[in-house]
Amino acid sequence: QVQLVESGGGLVQAGGSLTLSCAASIRIFSINFMGWYRQVS
């Protein structure tokens, strides 16, 4: 019932910047935590 869609990833040089966004399919105002995790192979 809940979908989270990320965007903004890509290739950047060291020292540069990127902005990641996540759009939720439900209202999040009362959701306890929203976060970002990462994983390397």
Full PDB file with SEQRES, HELIX, SHEET, SSBOND, CRYST1, ORIGX, SCALE, CONECT and MASTER records, all heavy atoms in Angstrom:
SEQRES   1 A   41  GLN VAL GLN LEU VAL GLU SER GLY GLY GLY LEU VAL GLN          
SEQRES   2 A   41  ALA GLY GLY SER LEU THR LEU SER CYS ALA ALA SER ILE          
SEQRES   3 A   41  ARG ILE PHE SER ILE ASN PHE MET GLY TRP TYR ARG GLN          
SEQRES   4 A   41  VAL SER                                                      
SHEET    1 AA1 2 LEU A   4  SER A   7  0                                        
SHEET    2 AA1 2 SER A  21  ALA A  24 -1                                        
CRYST1    1.000    1.000    1.000  90.00  90.00  90.00 P 1           1          
ORIGX1      1.000000  0.000000  0.000000        0.00000                         
ORIGX2      0.000000  1.000000  0.000000        0.00000                         
ORIGX3      0.000000  0.000000  1.000000        0.00000                         
SCALE1      1.000000  0.000000  0.000000        0.00000                         
SCALE2      0.000000  1.000000  0.000000        0.00000                         
SCALE3      0.000000  0.000000  1.000000        0.00000                         
ATOM      1  N   GLN A   1       0.819  -1.210   0.000  1.00  0.00           N  
ATOM      2  CA  GLN A   1       0.000   0.000   0.000  1.00  0.00           C  
ATOM      3  C   GLN A   1       0.854   1.262   0.000  1.00  0.00           C  
ATOM      4  O   GLN A   1       0.362   2.328  -0.374  1.00  0.00           O  
ATOM      5  CB  GLN A   1      -0.924   0.009   1.203  1.00  0.00           C  
ATOM      6  CG  GLN A   1      -2.002  -1.053   1.176  1.00  0.00           C  
ATOM      7  CD  GLN A   1      -2.909  -0.966   2.397  1.00  0.00           C  
ATOM      8  OE1 GLN A   1      -2.501  -0.522   3.452  1.00  0.00           O  
ATOM      9  NE2 GLN A   1      -4.137  -1.407   2.232  1.00  0.00           N  
ATOM     10  N   VAL A   2       2.105   1.156   0.426  1.00  0.00           N  
ATOM     11  CA  VAL A   2       2.995   2.299   0.510  1.00  0.00           C  
ATOM     12  C   VAL A   2       4.099   2.175  -0.528  1.00  0.00           C  
ATOM     13  O   VAL A   2       4.757   1.141  -0.624  1.00  0.00           O  
ATOM     14  CB  VAL A   2       3.629   2.428   1.900  1.00  0.00           C  
ATOM     15  CG1 VAL A   2       4.592   3.608   1.944  1.00  0.00           C  
ATOM     16  CG2 VAL A   2       2.541   2.595   2.957  1.00  0.00           C  
ATOM     17  N   GLN A   3       4.290   3.238  -1.290  1.00  0.00           N  
ATOM     18  CA  GLN A   3       5.363   3.293  -2.270  1.00  0.00           C  
ATOM     19  C   GLN A   3       6.281   4.463  -1.964  1.00  0.00           C  
ATOM     20  O   GLN A   3       5.816   5.559  -1.646  1.00  0.00           O  
ATOM     21  CB  GLN A   3       4.815   3.446  -3.686  1.00  0.00           C  
ATOM     22  CG  GLN A   3       4.191   2.190  -4.258  1.00  0.00           C  
ATOM     23  CD  GLN A   3       3.794   2.366  -5.698  1.00  0.00           C  
ATOM     24  OE1 GLN A   3       3.018   3.248  -6.038  1.00  0.00           O  
ATOM     25  NE2 GLN A   3       4.337   1.520  -6.571  1.00  0.00           N  
ATOM     26  N   LEU A   4       7.582   4.226  -2.061  1.00  0.00           N  
ATOM     27  CA  LEU A   4       8.589   5.253  -1.892  1.00  0.00           C  
ATOM     28  C   LEU A   4       9.429   5.278  -3.156  1.00  0.00           C  
ATOM     29  O   LEU A   4       9.981   4.254  -3.545  1.00  0.00           O  
ATOM     30  CB  LEU A   4       9.478   4.958  -0.678  1.00  0.00           C  
ATOM     31  CG  LEU A   4       8.768   4.831   0.673  1.00  0.00           C  
ATOM     32  CD1 LEU A   4       9.766   4.377   1.737  1.00  0.00           C  
ATOM     33  CD2 LEU A   4       8.135   6.155   1.070  1.00  0.00           C  
ATOM     34  N   VAL A   5       9.522   6.434  -3.786  1.00  0.00           N  
ATOM     35  CA  VAL A   5      10.236   6.557  -5.047  1.00  0.00           C  
ATOM     36  C   VAL A   5      11.370   7.554  -4.905  1.00  0.00           C  
ATOM     37  O   VAL A   5      11.132   8.740  -4.656  1.00  0.00           O  
ATOM     38  CB  VAL A   5       9.299   6.995  -6.185  1.00  0.00           C  
ATOM     39  CG1 VAL A   5      10.076   7.086  -7.495  1.00  0.00           C  
ATOM     40  CG2 VAL A   5       8.148   6.014  -6.327  1.00  0.00           C  
ATOM     41  N   GLU A   6      12.610   7.074  -5.071  1.00  0.00           N  
ATOM     42  CA  GLU A   6      13.787   7.924  -4.961  1.00  0.00           C  
ATOM     43  C   GLU A   6      14.169   8.502  -6.319  1.00  0.00           C  
ATOM     44  O   GLU A   6      13.915   7.895  -7.360  1.00  0.00           O  
ATOM     45  CB  GLU A   6      14.984   7.133  -4.412  1.00  0.00           C  
ATOM     46  CG  GLU A   6      14.743   6.471  -3.065  1.00  0.00           C  
ATOM     47  CD  GLU A   6      14.421   5.005  -3.194  1.00  0.00           C  
ATOM     48  OE1 GLU A   6      13.891   4.594  -4.253  1.00  0.00           O  
ATOM     49  OE2 GLU A   6      14.700   4.250  -2.244  1.00  0.00           O  
ATOM     50  N   SER A   7      14.830   9.654  -6.281  1.00  0.00           N  
ATOM     51  CA  SER A   7      15.348  10.277  -7.482  1.00  0.00           C  
ATOM     52  C   SER A   7      16.536  11.154  -7.111  1.00  0.00           C  
ATOM     53  O   SER A   7      16.713  11.510  -5.947  1.00  0.00           O  
ATOM     54  CB  SER A   7      14.276  11.110  -8.189  1.00  0.00           C  
ATOM     55  OG  SER A   7      13.831  12.179  -7.367  1.00  0.00           O  
ATOM     56  N   GLY A   8      17.348  11.498  -8.107  1.00  0.00           N  
ATOM     57  CA  GLY A   8      18.455  12.412  -7.890  1.00  0.00           C  
ATOM     58  C   GLY A   8      19.828  11.786  -7.907  1.00  0.00           C  
ATOM     59  O   GLY A   8      20.837  12.504  -7.851  1.00  0.00           O  
ATOM     60  N   GLY A   9      19.913  10.466  -7.973  1.00  0.00           N  
ATOM     61  CA  GLY A   9      21.205   9.814  -8.013  1.00  0.00           C  
ATOM     62  C   GLY A   9      21.909  10.063  -9.332  1.00  0.00           C  
ATOM     63  O   GLY A   9      21.302  10.481 -10.315  1.00  0.00           O  
ATOM     64  N   GLY A  10      23.220   9.799  -9.349  1.00  0.00           N  
ATOM     65  CA  GLY A  10      23.991   9.997 -10.553  1.00  0.00           C  
ATOM     66  C   GLY A  10      25.471   9.989 -10.286  1.00  0.00           C  
ATOM     67  O   GLY A  10      25.925   9.566  -9.219  1.00  0.00           O  
ATOM     68  N   LEU A  11      26.230  10.473 -11.260  1.00  0.00           N  
ATOM     69  CA  LEU A  11      27.686  10.534 -11.176  1.00  0.00           C  
ATOM     70  C   LEU A  11      28.131  11.948 -10.856  1.00  0.00           C  
ATOM     71  O   LEU A  11      27.672  12.906 -11.490  1.00  0.00           O  
ATOM     72  CB  LEU A  11      28.308  10.080 -12.495  1.00  0.00           C  
ATOM     73  CG  LEU A  11      29.828  10.196 -12.623  1.00  0.00           C  
ATOM     74  CD1 LEU A  11      30.514   9.267 -11.628  1.00  0.00           C  
ATOM     75  CD2 LEU A  11      30.251   9.874 -14.043  1.00  0.00           C  
ATOM     76  N   VAL A  12      29.030  12.079  -9.888  1.00  0.00           N  
ATOM     77  CA  VAL A  12      29.540  13.386  -9.496  1.00  0.00           C  
ATOM     78  C   VAL A  12      31.003  13.253  -9.093  1.00  0.00           C  
ATOM     79  O   VAL A  12      31.432  12.200  -8.620  1.00  0.00           O  
ATOM     80  CB  VAL A  12      28.702  13.975  -8.334  1.00  0.00           C  
ATOM     81  CG1 VAL A  12      28.851  13.120  -7.082  1.00  0.00           C  
ATOM     82  CG2 VAL A  12      29.088  15.416  -8.056  1.00  0.00           C  
ATOM     83  N   GLN A  13      31.781  14.307  -9.299  1.00  0.00           N  
ATOM     84  CA  GLN A  13      33.182  14.308  -8.893  1.00  0.00           C  
ATOM     85  C   GLN A  13      33.309  14.542  -7.396  1.00  0.00           C  
ATOM     86  O   GLN A  13      32.454  15.165  -6.772  1.00  0.00           O  
ATOM     87  CB  GLN A  13      33.961  15.392  -9.640  1.00  0.00           C  
ATOM     88  CG  GLN A  13      34.119  15.146 -11.125  1.00  0.00           C  
ATOM     89  CD  GLN A  13      34.977  16.200 -11.794  1.00  0.00           C  
ATOM     90  OE1 GLN A  13      35.040  17.344 -11.357  1.00  0.00           O  
ATOM     91  NE2 GLN A  13      35.658  15.821 -12.858  1.00  0.00           N  
ATOM     92  N   ALA A  14      34.389  14.035  -6.825  1.00  0.00           N  
ATOM     93  CA  ALA A  14      34.662  14.267  -5.413  1.00  0.00           C  
ATOM     94  C   ALA A  14      34.660  15.763  -5.121  1.00  0.00           C  
ATOM     95  O   ALA A  14      35.208  16.557  -5.885  1.00  0.00           O  
ATOM     96  CB  ALA A  14      36.002  13.660  -5.030  1.00  0.00           C  
ATOM     97  N   GLY A  15      34.029  16.126  -4.016  1.00  0.00           N  
ATOM     98  CA  GLY A  15      33.907  17.518  -3.652  1.00  0.00           C  
ATOM     99  C   GLY A  15      32.629  18.164  -4.141  1.00  0.00           C  
ATOM    100  O   GLY A  15      32.284  19.274  -3.708  1.00  0.00           O  
ATOM    101  N   GLY A  16      31.922  17.484  -5.012  1.00  0.00           N  
ATOM    102  CA  GLY A  16      30.687  18.007  -5.560  1.00  0.00           C  
ATOM    103  C   GLY A  16      29.486  17.730  -4.681  1.00  0.00           C  
ATOM    104  O   GLY A  16      29.615  17.214  -3.567  1.00  0.00           O  
ATOM    105  N   SER A  17      28.308  18.061  -5.202  1.00  0.00           N  
ATOM    106  CA  SER A  17      27.068  17.915  -4.440  1.00  0.00           C  
ATOM    107  C   SER A  17      25.989  17.224  -5.250  1.00  0.00           C  
ATOM    108  O   SER A  17      25.980  17.276  -6.481  1.00  0.00           O  
ATOM    109  CB  SER A  17      26.545  19.291  -4.010  1.00  0.00           C  
ATOM    110  OG  SER A  17      27.465  19.970  -3.187  1.00  0.00           O  
ATOM    111  N   LEU A  18      25.083  16.576  -4.538  1.00  0.00           N  
ATOM    112  CA  LEU A  18      23.902  15.962  -5.120  1.00  0.00           C  
ATOM    113  C   LEU A  18      22.752  16.104  -4.139  1.00  0.00           C  
ATOM    114  O   LEU A  18      22.972  16.164  -2.928  1.00  0.00           O  
ATOM    115  CB  LEU A  18      24.106  14.480  -5.419  1.00  0.00           C  
ATOM    116  CG  LEU A  18      24.864  14.073  -6.679  1.00  0.00           C  
ATOM    117  CD1 LEU A  18      25.019  12.551  -6.706  1.00  0.00           C  
ATOM    118  CD2 LEU A  18      24.156  14.553  -7.928  1.00  0.00           C  
ATOM    119  N   THR A  19      21.542  16.131  -4.663  1.00  0.00           N  
ATOM    120  CA  THR A  19      20.352  16.165  -3.836  1.00  0.00           C  
ATOM    121  C   THR A  19      19.471  14.978  -4.178  1.00  0.00           C  
ATOM    122  O   THR A  19      19.074  14.803  -5.330  1.00  0.00           O  
ATOM    123  CB  THR A  19      19.555  17.464  -4.048  1.00  0.00           C  
ATOM    124  OG1 THR A  19      20.377  18.593  -3.733  1.00  0.00           O  
ATOM    125  CG2 THR A  19      18.332  17.480  -3.144  1.00  0.00           C  
ATOM    126  N   LEU A  20      19.176  14.162  -3.185  1.00  0.00           N  
ATOM    127  CA  LEU A  20      18.294  13.021  -3.360  1.00  0.00           C  
ATOM    128  C   LEU A  20      16.911  13.359  -2.825  1.00  0.00           C  
ATOM    129  O   LEU A  20      16.783  13.991  -1.772  1.00  0.00           O  
ATOM    130  CB  LEU A  20      18.825  11.797  -2.619  1.00  0.00           C  
ATOM    131  CG  LEU A  20      20.238  11.329  -2.971  1.00  0.00           C  
ATOM    132  CD1 LEU A  20      20.562  10.057  -2.193  1.00  0.00           C  
ATOM    133  CD2 LEU A  20      20.376  11.098  -4.466  1.00  0.00           C  
ATOM    134  N   SER A  21      15.891  12.929  -3.539  1.00  0.00           N  
ATOM    135  CA  SER A  21      14.521  13.159  -3.114  1.00  0.00           C  
ATOM    136  C   SER A  21      13.767  11.844  -3.044  1.00  0.00           C  
ATOM    137  O   SER A  21      14.041  10.919  -3.804  1.00  0.00           O  
ATOM    138  CB  SER A  21      13.804  14.111  -4.077  1.00  0.00           C  
ATOM    139  OG  SER A  21      14.394  15.387  -4.062  1.00  0.00           O  
ATOM    140  N   CYS A  22      12.815  11.770  -2.136  1.00  0.00           N  
ATOM    141  CA  CYS A  22      11.973  10.592  -1.971  1.00  0.00           C  
ATOM    142  C   CYS A  22      10.528  11.044  -1.877  1.00  0.00           C  
ATOM    143  O   CYS A  22      10.185  11.862  -1.015  1.00  0.00           O  
ATOM    144  CB  CYS A  22      12.372   9.828  -0.709  1.00  0.00           C  
ATOM    145  SG  CYS A  22      11.267   8.472  -0.276  1.00  0.00           S  
ATOM    146  N   ALA A  23       9.700  10.512  -2.755  1.00  0.00           N  
ATOM    147  CA  ALA A  23       8.281  10.835  -2.759  1.00  0.00           C  
ATOM    148  C   ALA A  23       7.485   9.653  -2.230  1.00  0.00           C  
ATOM    149  O   ALA A  23       7.611   8.536  -2.734  1.00  0.00           O  
ATOM    150  CB  ALA A  23       7.827  11.192  -4.167  1.00  0.00           C  
ATOM    151  N   ALA A  24       6.672   9.891  -1.214  1.00  0.00           N  
ATOM    152  CA  ALA A  24       5.850   8.853  -0.607  1.00  0.00           C  
ATOM    153  C   ALA A  24       4.436   8.898  -1.163  1.00  0.00           C  
ATOM    154  O   ALA A  24       3.912   9.969  -1.477  1.00  0.00           O  
ATOM    155  CB  ALA A  24       5.807   9.011   0.906  1.00  0.00           C  
ATOM    156  N   SER A  25       3.815   7.736  -1.258  1.00  0.00           N  
ATOM    157  CA  SER A  25       2.460   7.644  -1.788  1.00  0.00           C  
ATOM    158  C   SER A  25       1.391   7.881  -0.730  1.00  0.00           C  
ATOM    159  O   SER A  25       0.198   7.840  -1.037  1.00  0.00           O  
ATOM    160  CB  SER A  25       2.242   6.271  -2.433  1.00  0.00           C  
ATOM    161  OG  SER A  25       2.336   5.240  -1.472  1.00  0.00           O  
ATOM    162  N   ILE A  26       1.799   8.121   0.510  1.00  0.00           N  
ATOM    163  CA  ILE A  26       0.869   8.395   1.596  1.00  0.00           C  
ATOM    164  C   ILE A  26       1.275   9.668   2.316  1.00  0.00           C  
ATOM    165  O   ILE A  26       2.386  10.166   2.140  1.00  0.00           O  
ATOM    166  CB  ILE A  26       0.815   7.240   2.618  1.00  0.00           C  
ATOM    167  CG1 ILE A  26       2.180   7.060   3.289  1.00  0.00           C  
ATOM    168  CG2 ILE A  26       0.341   5.956   1.964  1.00  0.00           C  
ATOM    169  CD1 ILE A  26       2.168   6.111   4.454  1.00  0.00           C  
ATOM    170  N   ARG A  27       0.382  10.190   3.149  1.00  0.00           N  
ATOM    171  CA  ARG A  27       0.707  11.355   3.961  1.00  0.00           C  
ATOM    172  C   ARG A  27       1.727  10.953   5.018  1.00  0.00           C  
ATOM    173  O   ARG A  27       1.605   9.907   5.646  1.00  0.00           O  
ATOM    174  CB  ARG A  27      -0.560  11.892   4.627  1.00  0.00           C  
ATOM    175  CG  ARG A  27      -1.602  12.387   3.634  1.00  0.00           C  
ATOM    176  CD  ARG A  27      -2.938  12.611   4.301  1.00  0.00           C  
ATOM    177  NE  ARG A  27      -2.878  13.692   5.277  1.00  0.00           N  
ATOM    178  CZ  ARG A  27      -3.875  13.991   6.116  1.00  0.00           C  
ATOM    179  NH1 ARG A  27      -4.989  13.284   6.096  1.00  0.00           N  
ATOM    180  NH2 ARG A  27      -3.742  14.998   6.965  1.00  0.00           N  
ATOM    181  N   ILE A  28       2.738  11.788   5.222  1.00  0.00           N  
ATOM    182  CA  ILE A  28       3.819  11.438   6.141  1.00  0.00           C  
ATOM    183  C   ILE A  28       3.898  12.336   7.364  1.00  0.00           C  
ATOM    184  O   ILE A  28       4.793  12.158   8.197  1.00  0.00           O  
ATOM    185  CB  ILE A  28       5.191  11.451   5.430  1.00  0.00           C  
ATOM    186  CG1 ILE A  28       5.572  12.885   5.033  1.00  0.00           C  
ATOM    187  CG2 ILE A  28       5.172  10.528   4.217  1.00  0.00           C  
ATOM    188  CD1 ILE A  28       7.015  13.021   4.593  1.00  0.00           C  
ATOM    189  N   PHE A  29       2.976  13.266   7.525  1.00  0.00           N  
ATOM    190  CA  PHE A  29       3.087  14.235   8.625  1.00  0.00           C  
ATOM    191  C   PHE A  29       3.125  13.573   9.997  1.00  0.00           C  
ATOM    192  O   PHE A  29       3.729  14.109  10.928  1.00  0.00           O  
ATOM    193  CB  PHE A  29       1.951  15.265   8.553  1.00  0.00           C  
ATOM    194  CG  PHE A  29       0.613  14.767   9.025  1.00  0.00           C  
ATOM    195  CD1 PHE A  29       0.191  15.015  10.322  1.00  0.00           C  
ATOM    196  CD2 PHE A  29      -0.219  14.062   8.183  1.00  0.00           C  
ATOM    197  CE1 PHE A  29      -1.044  14.567  10.766  1.00  0.00           C  
ATOM    198  CE2 PHE A  29      -1.453  13.605   8.608  1.00  0.00           C  
ATOM    199  CZ  PHE A  29      -1.863  13.856   9.903  1.00  0.00           C  
ATOM    200  N   SER A  30       2.480  12.419  10.158  1.00  0.00           N  
ATOM    201  CA  SER A  30       2.452  11.734  11.445  1.00  0.00           C  
ATOM    202  C   SER A  30       3.385  10.522  11.499  1.00  0.00           C  
ATOM    203  O   SER A  30       3.440   9.828  12.519  1.00  0.00           O  
ATOM    204  CB  SER A  30       1.028  11.292  11.789  1.00  0.00           C  
ATOM    205  OG  SER A  30       0.531  10.377  10.835  1.00  0.00           O  
ATOM    206  N   ILE A  31       4.106  10.279  10.415  1.00  0.00           N  
ATOM    207  CA  ILE A  31       5.040   9.153  10.380  1.00  0.00           C  
ATOM    208  C   ILE A  31       6.225   9.451  11.286  1.00  0.00           C  
ATOM    209  O   ILE A  31       6.844  10.511  11.184  1.00  0.00           O  
ATOM    210  CB  ILE A  31       5.510   8.872   8.943  1.00  0.00           C  
ATOM    211  CG1 ILE A  31       4.320   8.444   8.075  1.00  0.00           C  
ATOM    212  CG2 ILE A  31       6.603   7.813   8.940  1.00  0.00           C  
ATOM    213  CD1 ILE A  31       3.660   7.158   8.539  1.00  0.00           C  
ATOM    214  N   ASN A  32       6.552   8.524  12.171  1.00  0.00           N  
ATOM    215  CA  ASN A  32       7.580   8.755  13.179  1.00  0.00           C  
ATOM    216  C   ASN A  32       8.939   9.122  12.596  1.00  0.00           C  
ATOM    217  O   ASN A  32       9.550  10.114  13.004  1.00  0.00           O  
ATOM    218  CB  ASN A  32       7.709   7.533  14.082  1.00  0.00           C  
ATOM    219  CG  ASN A  32       6.442   7.252  14.850  1.00  0.00           C  
ATOM    220  OD1 ASN A  32       5.542   6.576  14.352  1.00  0.00           O  
ATOM    221  ND2 ASN A  32       6.348   7.787  16.062  1.00  0.00           N  
ATOM    222  N   PHE A  33       9.424   8.324  11.653  1.00  0.00           N  
ATOM    223  CA  PHE A  33      10.735   8.575  11.069  1.00  0.00           C  
ATOM    224  C   PHE A  33      10.718   8.403   9.559  1.00  0.00           C  
ATOM    225  O   PHE A  33      10.133   7.458   9.027  1.00  0.00           O  
ATOM    226  CB  PHE A  33      11.793   7.641  11.655  1.00  0.00           C  
ATOM    227  CG  PHE A  33      12.175   7.948  13.063  1.00  0.00           C  
ATOM    228  CD1 PHE A  33      11.657   7.217  14.119  1.00  0.00           C  
ATOM    229  CD2 PHE A  33      13.072   8.972  13.335  1.00  0.00           C  
ATOM    230  CE1 PHE A  33      12.020   7.498  15.423  1.00  0.00           C  
ATOM    231  CE2 PHE A  33      13.438   9.265  14.641  1.00  0.00           C  
ATOM    232  CZ  PHE A  33      12.912   8.533  15.685  1.00  0.00           C  
ATOM    233  N   MET A  34      11.409   9.318   8.894  1.00  0.00           N  
ATOM    234  CA  MET A  34      11.744   9.194   7.486  1.00  0.00           C  
ATOM    235  C   MET A  34      13.260   9.236   7.418  1.00  0.00           C  
ATOM    236  O   MET A  34      13.893  10.020   8.129  1.00  0.00           O  
ATOM    237  CB  MET A  34      11.154  10.328   6.656  1.00  0.00           C  
ATOM    238  CG  MET A  34       9.631  10.382   6.644  1.00  0.00           C  
ATOM    239  SD  MET A  34       8.872   8.943   5.833  1.00  0.00           S  
ATOM    240  CE  MET A  34       9.498   9.122   4.166  1.00  0.00           C  
ATOM    241  N   GLY A  35      13.848   8.392   6.585  1.00  0.00           N  
ATOM    242  CA  GLY A  35      15.298   8.358   6.561  1.00  0.00           C  
ATOM    243  C   GLY A  35      15.898   7.877   5.260  1.00  0.00           C  
ATOM    244  O   GLY A  35      15.187   7.472   4.333  1.00  0.00           O  
ATOM    245  N   TRP A  36      17.222   7.949   5.219  1.00  0.00           N  
ATOM    246  CA  TRP A  36      18.003   7.471   4.092  1.00  0.00           C  
ATOM    247  C   TRP A  36      19.043   6.479   4.587  1.00  0.00           C  
ATOM    248  O   TRP A  36      19.720   6.720   5.594  1.00  0.00           O  
ATOM    249  CB  TRP A  36      18.708   8.624   3.380  1.00  0.00           C  
ATOM    250  CG  TRP A  36      17.793   9.500   2.589  1.00  0.00           C  
ATOM    251  CD1 TRP A  36      17.191  10.640   3.001  1.00  0.00           C  
ATOM    252  CD2 TRP A  36      17.385   9.290   1.236  1.00  0.00           C  
ATOM    253  NE1 TRP A  36      16.425  11.172   1.996  1.00  0.00           N  
ATOM    254  CE2 TRP A  36      16.527  10.362   0.897  1.00  0.00           C  
ATOM    255  CE3 TRP A  36      17.650   8.321   0.273  1.00  0.00           C  
ATOM    256  CZ2 TRP A  36      15.939  10.477  -0.364  1.00  0.00           C  
ATOM    257  CZ3 TRP A  36      17.068   8.435  -0.974  1.00  0.00           C  
ATOM    258  CH2 TRP A  36      16.226   9.501  -1.281  1.00  0.00           C  
ATOM    259  N   TYR A  37      19.160   5.372   3.894  1.00  0.00           N  
ATOM    260  CA  TYR A  37      20.170   4.360   4.150  1.00  0.00           C  
ATOM    261  C   TYR A  37      20.954   4.140   2.869  1.00  0.00           C  
ATOM    262  O   TYR A  37      20.499   4.494   1.781  1.00  0.00           O  
ATOM    263  CB  TYR A  37      19.531   3.040   4.586  1.00  0.00           C  
ATOM    264  CG  TYR A  37      18.901   3.066   5.963  1.00  0.00           C  
ATOM    265  CD1 TYR A  37      17.733   3.775   6.204  1.00  0.00           C  
ATOM    266  CD2 TYR A  37      19.480   2.362   7.026  1.00  0.00           C  
ATOM    267  CE1 TYR A  37      17.150   3.799   7.458  1.00  0.00           C  
ATOM    268  CE2 TYR A  37      18.900   2.379   8.286  1.00  0.00           C  
ATOM    269  CZ  TYR A  37      17.740   3.095   8.493  1.00  0.00           C  
ATOM    270  OH  TYR A  37      17.165   3.110   9.740  1.00  0.00           O  
ATOM    271  N   ARG A  38      22.133   3.545   2.984  1.00  0.00           N  
ATOM    272  CA  ARG A  38      22.913   3.240   1.795  1.00  0.00           C  
ATOM    273  C   ARG A  38      23.581   1.880   1.944  1.00  0.00           C  
ATOM    274  O   ARG A  38      23.828   1.401   3.041  1.00  0.00           O  
ATOM    275  CB  ARG A  38      23.961   4.322   1.517  1.00  0.00           C  
ATOM    276  CG  ARG A  38      25.073   4.429   2.558  1.00  0.00           C  
ATOM    277  CD  ARG A  38      25.941   5.654   2.261  1.00  0.00           C  
ATOM    278  NE  ARG A  38      27.035   5.785   3.208  1.00  0.00           N  
ATOM    279  CZ  ARG A  38      27.852   6.836   3.273  1.00  0.00           C  
ATOM    280  NH1 ARG A  38      27.684   7.852   2.432  1.00  0.00           N  
ATOM    281  NH2 ARG A  38      28.826   6.867   4.169  1.00  0.00           N  
ATOM    282  N   GLN A  39      23.888   1.281   0.798  1.00  0.00           N  
ATOM    283  CA  GLN A  39      24.488  -0.034   0.801  1.00  0.00           C  
ATOM    284  C   GLN A  39      25.465  -0.186  -0.356  1.00  0.00           C  
ATOM    285  O   GLN A  39      25.164   0.177  -1.486  1.00  0.00           O  
ATOM    286  CB  GLN A  39      23.414  -1.122   0.716  1.00  0.00           C  
ATOM    287  CG  GLN A  39      23.942  -2.538   0.862  1.00  0.00           C  
ATOM    288  CD  GLN A  39      22.833  -3.554   1.019  1.00  0.00           C  
ATOM    289  OE1 GLN A  39      21.705  -3.328   0.583  1.00  0.00           O  
ATOM    290  NE2 GLN A  39      23.140  -4.668   1.649  1.00  0.00           N  
ATOM    291  N   VAL A  40      26.632  -0.730  -0.038  1.00  0.00           N  
ATOM    292  CA  VAL A  40      27.656  -1.045  -1.026  1.00  0.00           C  
ATOM    293  C   VAL A  40      27.678  -2.559  -1.183  1.00  0.00           C  
ATOM    294  O   VAL A  40      27.481  -3.300  -0.211  1.00  0.00           O  
ATOM    295  CB  VAL A  40      29.039  -0.531  -0.583  1.00  0.00           C  
ATOM    296  CG1 VAL A  40      30.107  -0.900  -1.606  1.00  0.00           C  
ATOM    297  CG2 VAL A  40      29.001   0.972  -0.375  1.00  0.00           C  
ATOM    298  N   SER A  41      27.931  -3.035  -2.393  1.00  0.00           N  
ATOM    299  CA  SER A  41      27.979  -4.470  -2.636  1.00  0.00           C  
ATOM    300  C   SER A  41      28.937  -5.155  -1.676  1.00  0.00           C  
ATOM    301  O   SER A  41      30.082  -4.730  -1.515  1.00  0.00           O  
ATOM    302  CB  SER A  41      28.410  -4.750  -4.077  1.00  0.00           C  
ATOM    303  OG  SER A  41      27.450  -4.266  -4.995  1.00  0.00           O  
TER     304      SER A  41                                                      
MASTER        0    0    0    0    2    0    0    6  303    1    0    4          
END                                                                             
